[in-house]
Amino acid sequence: MSFAGYGRRLALPAVGAIATMGRRGGGGHVGLVTSFNVGTVTIISGNHGPTVSESVYPRSRIRTYAH
């Protein structure tokens, strides 16, 4: 999770922030926050088959936010 230490750490999500997540079985996932609300974060990222797309994740799944 090399992006977990990138930039200035944020306590809360912000549009344009880098979000890092853990994955079951190790490793991680990185994306850019495009929107958020009280319980979820929408992130644009790759590794969705052969495409880049937006996905909604529970905020509890996000390990770090950074600018």
PDB file of N, CA and C in Angstrom:
ATOM      1  N   MET A   1       0.836  -1.177   0.000  1.00  0.00           N
ATOM      2  CA  MET A   1       0.000   0.000   0.000  1.00  0.00           C
ATOM      3  C   MET A   1       0.881   1.240   0.000  1.00  0.00           C
ATOM      4  N   SER A   2       1.665   1.406  -1.034  1.00  0.00           N
ATOM      5  CA  SER A   2       2.619   2.498  -1.085  1.00  0.00           C
ATOM      6  C   SER A   2       1.948   3.868  -1.103  1.00  0.00           C
ATOM      7  N   PHE A   3       0.722   3.987  -1.582  1.00  0.00           N
ATOM      8  CA  PHE A   3       0.046   5.282  -1.592  1.00  0.00           C
ATOM      9  C   PHE A   3      -0.479   5.668  -0.217  1.00  0.00           C
ATOM     10  N   ALA A   4      -0.496   4.742   0.746  1.00  0.00           N
ATOM     11  CA  ALA A   4      -1.002   5.057   2.088  1.00  0.00           C
ATOM     12  C   ALA A   4      -0.181   6.149   2.759  1.00  0.00           C
ATOM     13  N   GLY A   5       1.077   6.320   2.386  1.00  0.00           N
ATOM     14  CA  GLY A   5       1.922   7.346   2.968  1.00  0.00           C
ATOM     15  C   GLY A   5       2.102   8.565   2.071  1.00  0.00           C
ATOM     16  N   TYR A   6       1.373   8.624   0.980  1.00  0.00           N
ATOM     17  CA  TYR A   6       1.537   9.695  -0.001  1.00  0.00           C
ATOM     18  C   TYR A   6       0.807  10.966   0.441  1.00  0.00           C
ATOM     19  N   GLY A   7       1.405  12.101   0.164  1.00  0.00           N
ATOM     20  CA  GLY A   7       0.735  13.384   0.376  1.00  0.00           C
ATOM     21  C   GLY A   7       0.429  13.716   1.820  1.00  0.00           C
ATOM     22  N   ARG A   8      -0.528  14.611   1.979  1.00  0.00           N
ATOM     23  CA  ARG A   8      -0.958  15.059   3.307  1.00  0.00           C
ATOM     24  C   ARG A   8      -2.185  14.252   3.696  1.00  0.00           C
ATOM     25  N   ARG A   9      -2.116  13.571   4.824  1.00  0.00           N
ATOM     26  CA  ARG A   9      -3.205  12.721   5.303  1.00  0.00           C
ATOM     27  C   ARG A   9      -4.413  13.567   5.665  1.00  0.00           C
ATOM     28  N   LEU A  10      -5.601  13.104   5.281  1.00  0.00           N
ATOM     29  CA  LEU A  10      -6.861  13.769   5.609  1.00  0.00           C
ATOM     30  C   LEU A  10      -7.655  12.895   6.573  1.00  0.00           C
ATOM     31  N   ALA A  11      -8.353  13.499   7.499  1.00  0.00           N
ATOM     32  CA  ALA A  11      -9.174  12.750   8.451  1.00  0.00           C
ATOM     33  C   ALA A  11     -10.499  12.312   7.830  1.00  0.00           C
ATOM     34  N   LEU A  12     -10.970  13.055   6.841  1.00  0.00           N
ATOM     35  CA  LEU A  12     -12.263  12.783   6.204  1.00  0.00           C
ATOM     36  C   LEU A  12     -12.100  12.772   4.694  1.00  0.00           C
ATOM     37  N   PRO A  13     -13.040  12.173   3.972  1.00  0.00           N
ATOM     38  CA  PRO A  13     -12.929  12.177   2.509  1.00  0.00           C
ATOM     39  C   PRO A  13     -13.101  13.582   1.942  1.00  0.00           C
ATOM     40  N   ALA A  14     -12.535  13.789   0.772  1.00  0.00           N
ATOM     41  CA  ALA A  14     -12.674  15.042   0.027  1.00  0.00           C
ATOM     42  C   ALA A  14     -12.635  14.690  -1.457  1.00  0.00           C
ATOM     43  N   VAL A  15     -13.428  15.374  -2.260  1.00  0.00           N
ATOM     44  CA  VAL A  15     -13.410  15.142  -3.701  1.00  0.00           C
ATOM     45  C   VAL A  15     -11.996  15.416  -4.219  1.00  0.00           C
ATOM     46  N   GLY A  16     -11.462  14.482  -4.979  1.00  0.00           N
ATOM     47  CA  GLY A  16     -10.110  14.594  -5.516  1.00  0.00           C
ATOM     48  C   GLY A  16      -9.040  13.942  -4.666  1.00  0.00           C
ATOM     49  N   ALA A  17      -9.391  13.526  -3.459  1.00  0.00           N
ATOM     50  CA  ALA A  17      -8.414  12.883  -2.569  1.00  0.00           C
ATOM     51  C   ALA A  17      -8.091  11.472  -3.063  1.00  0.00           C
ATOM     52  N   ILE A  18      -6.905  11.020  -2.738  1.00  0.00           N
ATOM     53  CA  ILE A  18      -6.514   9.633  -2.974  1.00  0.00           C
ATOM     54  C   ILE A  18      -7.058   8.811  -1.818  1.00  0.00           C
ATOM     55  N   ALA A  19      -7.729   7.711  -2.132  1.00  0.00           N
ATOM     56  CA  ALA A  19      -8.249   6.810  -1.101  1.00  0.00           C
ATOM     57  C   ALA A  19      -7.546   5.467  -1.237  1.00  0.00           C
ATOM     58  N   THR A  20      -7.112   4.895  -0.130  1.00  0.00           N
ATOM     59  CA  THR A  20      -6.504   3.568  -0.153  1.00  0.00           C
ATOM     60  C   THR A  20      -7.381   2.607   0.629  1.00  0.00           C
ATOM     61  N   MET A  21      -7.449   1.384   0.132  1.00  0.00           N
ATOM     62  CA  MET A  21      -8.247   0.332   0.753  1.00  0.00           C
ATOM     63  C   MET A  21      -7.414  -0.931   0.840  1.00  0.00           C
ATOM     64  N   GLY A  22      -7.702  -1.736   1.848  1.00  0.00           N
ATOM     65  CA  GLY A  22      -7.102  -3.057   1.931  1.00  0.00           C
ATOM     66  C   GLY A  22      -7.915  -4.035   1.089  1.00  0.00           C
ATOM     67  N   ARG A  23      -7.318  -5.164   0.796  1.00  0.00           N
ATOM     68  CA  ARG A  23      -8.015  -6.235   0.073  1.00  0.00           C
ATOM     69  C   ARG A  23      -7.913  -7.513   0.870  1.00  0.00           C
ATOM     70  N   ARG A  24      -8.957  -8.312   0.792  1.00  0.00           N
ATOM     71  CA  ARG A  24      -8.886  -9.634   1.412  1.00  0.00           C
ATOM     72  C   ARG A  24      -7.768 -10.417   0.751  1.00  0.00           C
ATOM     73  N   GLY A  25      -6.964 -11.068   1.537  1.00  0.00           N
ATOM     74  CA  GLY A  25      -5.855 -11.832   0.992  1.00  0.00           C
ATOM     75  C   GLY A  25      -4.585 -11.022   0.807  1.00  0.00           C
ATOM     76  N   GLY A  26      -4.580  -9.749   1.229  1.00  0.00           N
ATOM     77  CA  GLY A  26      -3.386  -8.920   1.138  1.00  0.00           C
ATOM     78  C   GLY A  26      -3.449  -7.939  -0.008  1.00  0.00           C
ATOM     79  N   GLY A  27      -2.484  -7.065  -0.048  1.00  0.00           N
ATOM     80  CA  GLY A  27      -2.440  -6.048  -1.082  1.00  0.00           C
ATOM     81  C   GLY A  27      -3.403  -4.914  -0.787  1.00  0.00           C
ATOM     82  N   GLY A  28      -3.698  -4.129  -1.805  1.00  0.00           N
ATOM     83  CA  GLY A  28      -4.585  -3.000  -1.599  1.00  0.00           C
ATOM     84  C   GLY A  28      -5.137  -2.480  -2.904  1.00  0.00           C
ATOM     85  N   HIS A  29      -5.874  -1.394  -2.793  1.00  0.00           N
ATOM     86  CA  HIS A  29      -6.494  -0.771  -3.955  1.00  0.00           C
ATOM     87  C   HIS A  29      -6.454   0.737  -3.743  1.00  0.00           C
ATOM     88  N   VAL A  30      -6.260   1.489  -4.812  1.00  0.00           N
ATOM     89  CA  VAL A  30      -6.146   2.943  -4.750  1.00  0.00           C
ATOM     90  C   VAL A  30      -7.094   3.552  -5.769  1.00  0.00           C
ATOM     91  N   GLY A  31      -7.732   4.653  -5.392  1.00  0.00           N
ATOM     92  CA  GLY A  31      -8.591   5.364  -6.325  1.00  0.00           C
ATOM     93  C   GLY A  31      -8.735   6.815  -5.921  1.00  0.00           C
ATOM     94  N   LEU A  32      -9.438   7.585  -6.745  1.00  0.00           N
ATOM     95  CA  LEU A  32      -9.691   8.992  -6.462  1.00  0.00           C
ATOM     96  C   LEU A  32     -11.146   9.169  -6.051  1.00  0.00           C
ATOM     97  N   VAL A  33     -11.368   9.914  -4.977  1.00  0.00           N
ATOM     98  CA  VAL A  33     -12.716  10.175  -4.486  1.00  0.00           C
ATOM     99  C   VAL A  33     -13.419  11.131  -5.445  1.00  0.00           C
ATOM    100  N   THR A  34     -14.614  10.730  -5.924  1.00  0.00           N
ATOM    101  CA  THR A  34     -15.400  11.595  -6.799  1.00  0.00           C
ATOM    102  C   THR A  34     -16.623  12.155  -6.077  1.00  0.00           C
ATOM    103  N   SER A  35     -17.088  11.475  -5.022  1.00  0.00           N
ATOM    104  CA  SER A  35     -18.180  11.984  -4.185  1.00  0.00           C
ATOM    105  C   SER A  35     -18.233  11.151  -2.910  1.00  0.00           C
ATOM    106  N   PHE A  36     -18.973  11.663  -1.934  1.00  0.00           N
ATOM    107  CA  PHE A  36     -19.121  10.929  -0.675  1.00  0.00           C
ATOM    108  C   PHE A  36     -20.353  11.432   0.049  1.00  0.00           C
ATOM    109  N   ASN A  37     -20.841  10.611   0.985  1.00  0.00           N
ATOM    110  CA  ASN A  37     -21.907  11.014   1.890  1.00  0.00           C
ATOM    111  C   ASN A  37     -21.609  10.422   3.260  1.00  0.00           C
ATOM    112  N   VAL A  38     -22.580  10.388   4.126  1.00  0.00           N
ATOM    113  CA  VAL A  38     -22.337   9.935   5.500  1.00  0.00           C
ATOM    114  C   VAL A  38     -21.799   8.511   5.560  1.00  0.00           C
ATOM    115  N   GLY A  39     -22.300   7.607   4.727  1.00  0.00           N
ATOM    116  CA  GLY A  39     -21.915   6.209   4.846  1.00  0.00           C
ATOM    117  C   GLY A  39     -21.087   5.622   3.735  1.00  0.00           C
ATOM    118  N   THR A  40     -20.988   6.327   2.584  1.00  0.00           N
ATOM    119  CA  THR A  40     -20.280   5.749   1.439  1.00  0.00           C
ATOM    120  C   THR A  40     -19.355   6.753   0.766  1.00  0.00           C
ATOM    121  N   VAL A  41     -18.433   6.197  -0.014  1.00  0.00           N
ATOM    122  CA  VAL A  41     -17.495   6.991  -0.817  1.00  0.00           C
ATOM    123  C   VAL A  41     -17.547   6.436  -2.234  1.00  0.00           C
ATOM    124  N   THR A  42     -17.636   7.318  -3.222  1.00  0.00           N
ATOM    125  CA  THR A  42     -17.569   6.895  -4.620  1.00  0.00           C
ATOM    126  C   THR A  42     -16.159   7.176  -5.108  1.00  0.00           C
ATOM    127  N   ILE A  43     -15.547   6.144  -5.697  1.00  0.00           N
ATOM    128  CA  ILE A  43     -14.144   6.213  -6.103  1.00  0.00           C
ATOM    129  C   ILE A  43     -14.019   5.785  -7.556  1.00  0.00           C
ATOM    130  N   ILE A  44     -13.209   6.507  -8.314  1.00  0.00           N
ATOM    131  CA  ILE A  44     -12.879   6.101  -9.678  1.00  0.00           C
ATOM    132  C   ILE A  44     -11.514   5.428  -9.635  1.00  0.00           C
ATOM    133  N   SER A  45     -11.441   4.254 -10.262  1.00  0.00           N
ATOM    134  CA  SER A  45     -10.185   3.503 -10.237  1.00  0.00           C
ATOM    135  C   SER A  45     -10.180   2.478 -11.358  1.00  0.00           C
ATOM    136  N   GLY A  46      -9.040   1.858 -11.551  1.00  0.00           N
ATOM    137  CA  GLY A  46      -8.887   0.801 -12.545  1.00  0.00           C
ATOM    138  C   GLY A  46      -9.106  -0.560 -11.917  1.00  0.00           C
ATOM    139  N   ASN A  47      -8.680  -1.588 -12.631  1.00  0.00           N
ATOM    140  CA  ASN A  47      -8.797  -2.975 -12.175  1.00  0.00           C
ATOM    141  C   ASN A  47     -10.239  -3.445 -12.063  1.00  0.00           C
ATOM    142  N   HIS A  48     -11.111  -2.887 -12.876  1.00  0.00           N
ATOM    143  CA  HIS A  48     -12.487  -3.356 -12.972  1.00  0.00           C
ATOM    144  C   HIS A  48     -12.622  -4.032 -14.329  1.00  0.00           C
ATOM    145  N   GLY A  49     -12.006  -5.192 -14.453  1.00  0.00           N
ATOM    146  CA  GLY A  49     -11.907  -5.800 -15.777  1.00  0.00           C
ATOM    147  C   GLY A  49     -10.959  -4.950 -16.604  1.00  0.00           C
ATOM    148  N   PRO A  50     -11.274  -4.695 -17.856  1.00  0.00           N
ATOM    149  CA  PRO A  50     -10.379  -3.898 -18.693  1.00  0.00           C
ATOM    150  C   PRO A  50     -10.715  -2.404 -18.679  1.00  0.00           C
ATOM    151  N   THR A  51     -11.442  -1.935 -17.667  1.00  0.00           N
ATOM    152  CA  THR A  51     -11.909  -0.554 -17.696  1.00  0.00           C
ATOM    153  C   THR A  51     -11.541   0.212 -16.430  1.00  0.00           C
ATOM    154  N   VAL A  52     -11.716   1.513 -16.526  1.00  0.00           N
ATOM    155  CA  VAL A  52     -11.667   2.412 -15.380  1.00  0.00           C
ATOM    156  C   VAL A  52     -13.109   2.803 -15.111  1.00  0.00           C
ATOM    157  N   SER A  53     -13.542   2.709 -13.857  1.00  0.00           N
ATOM    158  CA  SER A  53     -14.937   3.032 -13.565  1.00  0.00           C
ATOM    159  C   SER A  53     -15.093   3.499 -12.124  1.00  0.00           C
ATOM    160  N   GLU A  54     -16.284   4.018 -11.837  1.00  0.00           N
ATOM    161  CA  GLU A  54     -16.618   4.443 -10.482  1.00  0.00           C
ATOM    162  C   GLU A  54     -17.305   3.299  -9.746  1.00  0.00           C
ATOM    163  N   SER A  55     -16.989   3.177  -8.466  1.00  0.00           N
ATOM    164  CA  SER A  55     -17.629   2.200  -7.590  1.00  0.00           C
ATOM    165  C   SER A  55     -17.903   2.861  -6.251  1.00  0.00           C
ATOM    166  N   VAL A  56     -18.944   2.398  -5.591  1.00  0.00           N
ATOM    167  CA  VAL A  56     -19.320   2.918  -4.280  1.00  0.00           C
ATOM    168  C   VAL A  56     -18.850   1.921  -3.223  1.00  0.00           C
ATOM    169  N   TYR A  57     -18.169   2.444  -2.188  1.00  0.00           N
ATOM    170  CA  TYR A  57     -17.646   1.624  -1.100  1.00  0.00           C
ATOM    171  C   TYR A  57     -18.139   2.175   0.233  1.00  0.00           C
ATOM    172  N   PRO A  58     -18.316   1.312   1.232  1.00  0.00           N
ATOM    173  CA  PRO A  58     -18.616   1.830   2.569  1.00  0.00           C
ATOM    174  C   PRO A  58     -17.412   2.615   3.086  1.00  0.00           C
ATOM    175  N   ARG A  59     -17.660   3.699   3.784  1.00  0.00           N
ATOM    176  CA  ARG A  59     -16.542   4.509   4.296  1.00  0.00           C
ATOM    177  C   ARG A  59     -15.657   3.708   5.231  1.00  0.00           C
ATOM    178  N   SER A  60     -16.203   2.718   5.891  1.00  0.00           N
ATOM    179  CA  SER A  60     -15.409   1.890   6.807  1.00  0.00           C
ATOM    180  C   SER A  60     -14.344   1.074   6.074  1.00  0.00           C
ATOM    181  N   ARG A  61     -14.480   0.886   4.792  1.00  0.00           N
ATOM    182  CA  ARG A  61     -13.502   0.111   4.010  1.00  0.00           C
ATOM    183  C   ARG A  61     -12.249   0.928   3.684  1.00  0.00           C
ATOM    184  N   ILE A  62     -12.329   2.245   3.741  1.00  0.00           N
ATOM    185  CA  ILE A  62     -11.212   3.104   3.368  1.00  0.00           C
ATOM    186  C   ILE A  62     -10.217   3.195   4.528  1.00  0.00           C
ATOM    187  N   ARG A  63      -8.952   2.926   4.224  1.00  0.00           N
ATOM    188  CA  ARG A  63      -7.904   3.012   5.255  1.00  0.00           C
ATOM    189  C   ARG A  63      -7.361   4.425   5.399  1.00  0.00           C
ATOM    190  N   THR A  64      -7.081   5.080   4.268  1.00  0.00           N
ATOM    191  CA  THR A  64      -6.527   6.434   4.332  1.00  0.00           C
ATOM    192  C   THR A  64      -7.081   7.301   3.204  1.00  0.00           C
ATOM    193  N   TYR A  65      -7.118   8.608   3.474  1.00  0.00           N
ATOM    194  CA  TYR A  65      -7.393   9.638   2.470  1.00  0.00           C
ATOM    195  C   TYR A  65      -6.192  10.573   2.479  1.00  0.00           C
ATOM    196  N   ALA A  66      -5.782  11.031   1.305  1.00  0.00           N
ATOM    197  CA  ALA A  66      -4.658  11.963   1.234  1.00  0.00           C
ATOM    198  C   ALA A  66      -4.844  12.917   0.066  1.00  0.00           C
ATOM    199  N   HIS A  67      -4.256  14.112   0.180  1.00  0.00           N
ATOM    200  CA  HIS A  67      -4.204  15.105  -0.905  1.00  0.00           C
ATOM    201  C   HIS A  67      -2.780  15.258  -1.312  1.00  0.00           C
TER     202      HIS A  67
END
